[in-house]
Amino acid sequence: MARLSLPLLVLLSLAATMAFPDGAPELTCHPLFDLRPVHAETDALDAKNSPYRLVQDKVDFEANDRVKVTLYTVGKPFRGFKVKPVDEQGQEVGHFEPGAGYKALSRCAAATHKSRADKEHVEIHWLAPADRSGRVYFK
């Protein structure tokens, strides 16, 4: 499994104590809120000191590839998350499959939690576009 550098690839908006009950709202797809928490009294985490890790099973993708992404804690459980796939230019690329414990947002390529229950880890699956290959990073 390719383990990716947290400061370069991960900017997670995780809330340790609170989360929207059914995931990040669609308005978080707007560039103004890009991966910034929108709930009260919660700031984005400093990636260097984050107690959360994001691991993807590969960085380079071919057309229609499927990439497994695992988000987990090395500290307290988390309740909410939002993860976004980007290419080398920082543009959204591909989309997430629907899955247990997470849902894809319809206005952007991001995935978010389905419930605010405590989580130790979540596995999400990303699908590459049918018409290109390249590199994908998750933040």
Protein backbone atom coordinates (compact mmCIF):
# COMPACT_ATOMS: atom_id res chain seq x y z
CA MET A 1 0.00 0.00 0.00
CA ALA A 2 1.42 3.39 -0.88
CA ARG A 3 1.45 5.55 2.22
CA LEU A 4 1.24 9.18 1.30
CA SER A 5 2.76 12.16 3.02
CA LEU A 6 0.19 13.74 5.31
CA PRO A 7 1.21 17.38 4.79
CA LEU A 8 1.22 17.06 1.00
CA LEU A 9 -1.83 14.95 0.46
CA VAL A 10 -4.17 15.32 3.36
CA LEU A 11 -6.14 18.27 4.61
CA LEU A 12 -8.98 16.66 6.43
CA SER A 13 -11.79 18.50 8.02
CA LEU A 14 -12.49 16.14 10.87
CA ALA A 15 -14.50 16.98 13.92
CA ALA A 16 -13.52 14.99 16.98
CA THR A 17 -16.55 15.92 18.99
CA MET A 18 -19.26 16.97 16.59
CA ALA A 19 -20.31 16.41 13.00
CA PHE A 20 -23.26 16.99 10.74
CA PRO A 21 -25.49 13.98 11.42
CA ASP A 22 -25.66 12.83 7.81
CA GLY A 23 -22.47 14.21 6.29
CA ALA A 24 -21.05 17.46 5.01
CA PRO A 25 -23.70 19.53 3.25
CA GLU A 26 -23.52 20.16 -0.50
CA LEU A 27 -22.62 23.81 0.16
CA THR A 28 -19.17 22.61 1.24
CA CYS A 29 -18.48 21.96 -2.44
CA HIS A 30 -18.39 25.73 -3.04
CA PRO A 31 -14.77 27.01 -3.29
CA LEU A 32 -15.38 29.35 -0.35
CA PHE A 33 -15.71 26.32 1.96
CA ASP A 34 -13.24 24.02 0.20
CA LEU A 35 -12.34 21.45 2.88
CA ARG A 36 -12.95 23.88 5.71
CA PRO A 37 -15.36 22.86 8.44
CA VAL A 38 -18.61 24.79 8.47
CA HIS A 39 -19.83 23.78 11.91
CA ALA A 40 -19.52 26.03 14.91
CA GLU A 41 -16.30 26.12 16.93
CA THR A 42 -14.39 23.70 14.69
CA ASP A 43 -11.25 24.58 12.77
CA ALA A 44 -9.39 22.65 10.09
CA LEU A 45 -6.64 20.52 11.57
CA ASP A 46 -2.95 21.26 11.26
CA ALA A 47 -1.82 18.40 8.99
CA LYS A 48 1.55 18.00 10.76
CA ASN A 49 -0.06 17.31 14.12
CA SER A 50 -3.17 15.52 12.95
CA PRO A 51 -4.13 12.34 14.82
CA TYR A 52 -5.68 11.07 11.57
CA ARG A 53 -4.08 9.29 8.63
CA LEU A 54 -5.16 8.80 5.05
CA VAL A 55 -3.67 5.90 3.08
CA GLN A 56 -4.36 5.08 -0.56
CA ASP A 57 -3.39 1.81 -2.23
CA LYS A 58 -1.93 3.57 -5.28
CA VAL A 59 -1.14 7.04 -6.57
CA ASP A 60 -0.81 6.42 -10.31
CA PHE A 61 -4.04 5.44 -12.03
CA GLU A 62 -5.19 4.25 -15.43
CA ALA A 63 -8.60 4.83 -16.98
CA ASN A 64 -11.40 3.20 -14.93
CA ASP A 65 -9.07 2.16 -12.08
CA ARG A 66 -10.44 1.75 -8.57
CA VAL A 67 -8.39 3.08 -5.65
CA LYS A 68 -9.02 2.10 -2.04
CA VAL A 69 -8.57 4.96 0.42
CA THR A 70 -8.49 4.30 4.16
CA LEU A 71 -8.95 7.05 6.73
CA TYR A 72 -8.09 6.09 10.30
CA THR A 73 -7.28 7.57 13.67
CA VAL A 74 -4.17 7.15 15.79
CA GLY A 75 -5.93 8.90 18.66
CA LYS A 76 -9.52 9.60 19.59
CA PRO A 77 -12.30 8.41 17.27
CA PHE A 78 -13.62 10.83 14.70
CA ARG A 79 -17.22 11.50 13.76
CA GLY A 80 -17.13 13.45 10.54
CA PHE A 81 -14.94 13.72 7.48
CA LYS A 82 -14.75 15.02 3.95
CA VAL A 83 -12.19 13.73 1.47
CA LYS A 84 -11.58 15.13 -2.02
CA PRO A 85 -9.56 13.62 -4.90
CA VAL A 86 -7.33 15.96 -6.91
CA ASP A 87 -4.87 15.53 -9.77
CA GLU A 88 -1.34 16.96 -10.03
CA GLN A 89 -2.75 20.38 -10.92
CA GLY A 90 -5.06 20.39 -7.89
CA GLN A 91 -8.20 19.87 -9.99
CA GLU A 92 -10.91 17.46 -8.87
CA VAL A 93 -10.65 14.15 -10.67
CA GLY A 94 -12.82 11.02 -10.78
CA HIS A 95 -15.52 10.25 -8.25
CA PHE A 96 -16.28 8.05 -5.24
CA GLU A 97 -18.41 4.93 -5.36
CA PRO A 98 -21.28 4.82 -2.87
CA GLY A 99 -20.34 2.72 0.14
CA ALA A 100 -21.00 1.72 3.72
CA GLY A 101 -20.26 4.54 6.13
CA TYR A 102 -19.81 7.25 3.51
CA LYS A 103 -21.55 8.96 0.63
CA ALA A 104 -20.44 10.92 -2.42
CA LEU A 105 -21.46 14.55 -2.70
CA SER A 106 -23.28 15.36 -5.93
CA ARG A 107 -21.87 18.87 -6.50
CA CYS A 108 -18.20 17.91 -6.26
CA ALA A 109 -15.96 14.85 -6.26
CA ALA A 110 -15.82 14.62 -2.44
CA ALA A 111 -16.92 11.86 -0.06
CA THR A 112 -18.31 12.48 3.42
CA HIS A 113 -19.63 10.53 6.43
CA LYS A 114 -23.21 9.20 6.58
CA SER A 115 -23.58 9.41 10.35
CA ARG A 116 -21.93 11.13 13.28
CA ALA A 117 -21.23 7.87 15.10
CA ASP A 118 -17.68 7.49 16.40
CA LYS A 119 -15.33 5.97 13.82
CA GLU A 120 -11.89 4.40 14.17
CA HIS A 121 -11.50 4.01 10.41
CA VAL A 122 -13.42 4.18 7.17
CA GLU A 123 -12.61 2.68 3.78
CA ILE A 124 -13.74 4.57 0.70
CA HIS A 125 -13.38 3.68 -2.98
CA TRP A 126 -12.50 6.13 -5.72
CA LEU A 127 -13.07 5.53 -9.43
CA ALA A 128 -10.77 7.01 -12.07
CA PRO A 129 -12.26 8.75 -15.09
CA ALA A 130 -12.78 6.59 -18.18
CA ASP A 131 -10.83 8.92 -20.44
CA ARG A 132 -7.51 9.53 -18.69
CA SER A 133 -4.66 8.30 -16.55
CA GLY A 134 -2.41 10.19 -14.15
CA ARG A 135 -1.86 10.67 -10.45
CA VAL A 136 -4.49 11.16 -7.77
CA TYR A 137 -4.06 12.65 -4.32
CA PHE A 138 -6.63 12.81 -1.56
CA LYS A 139 -7.04 15.76 0.73
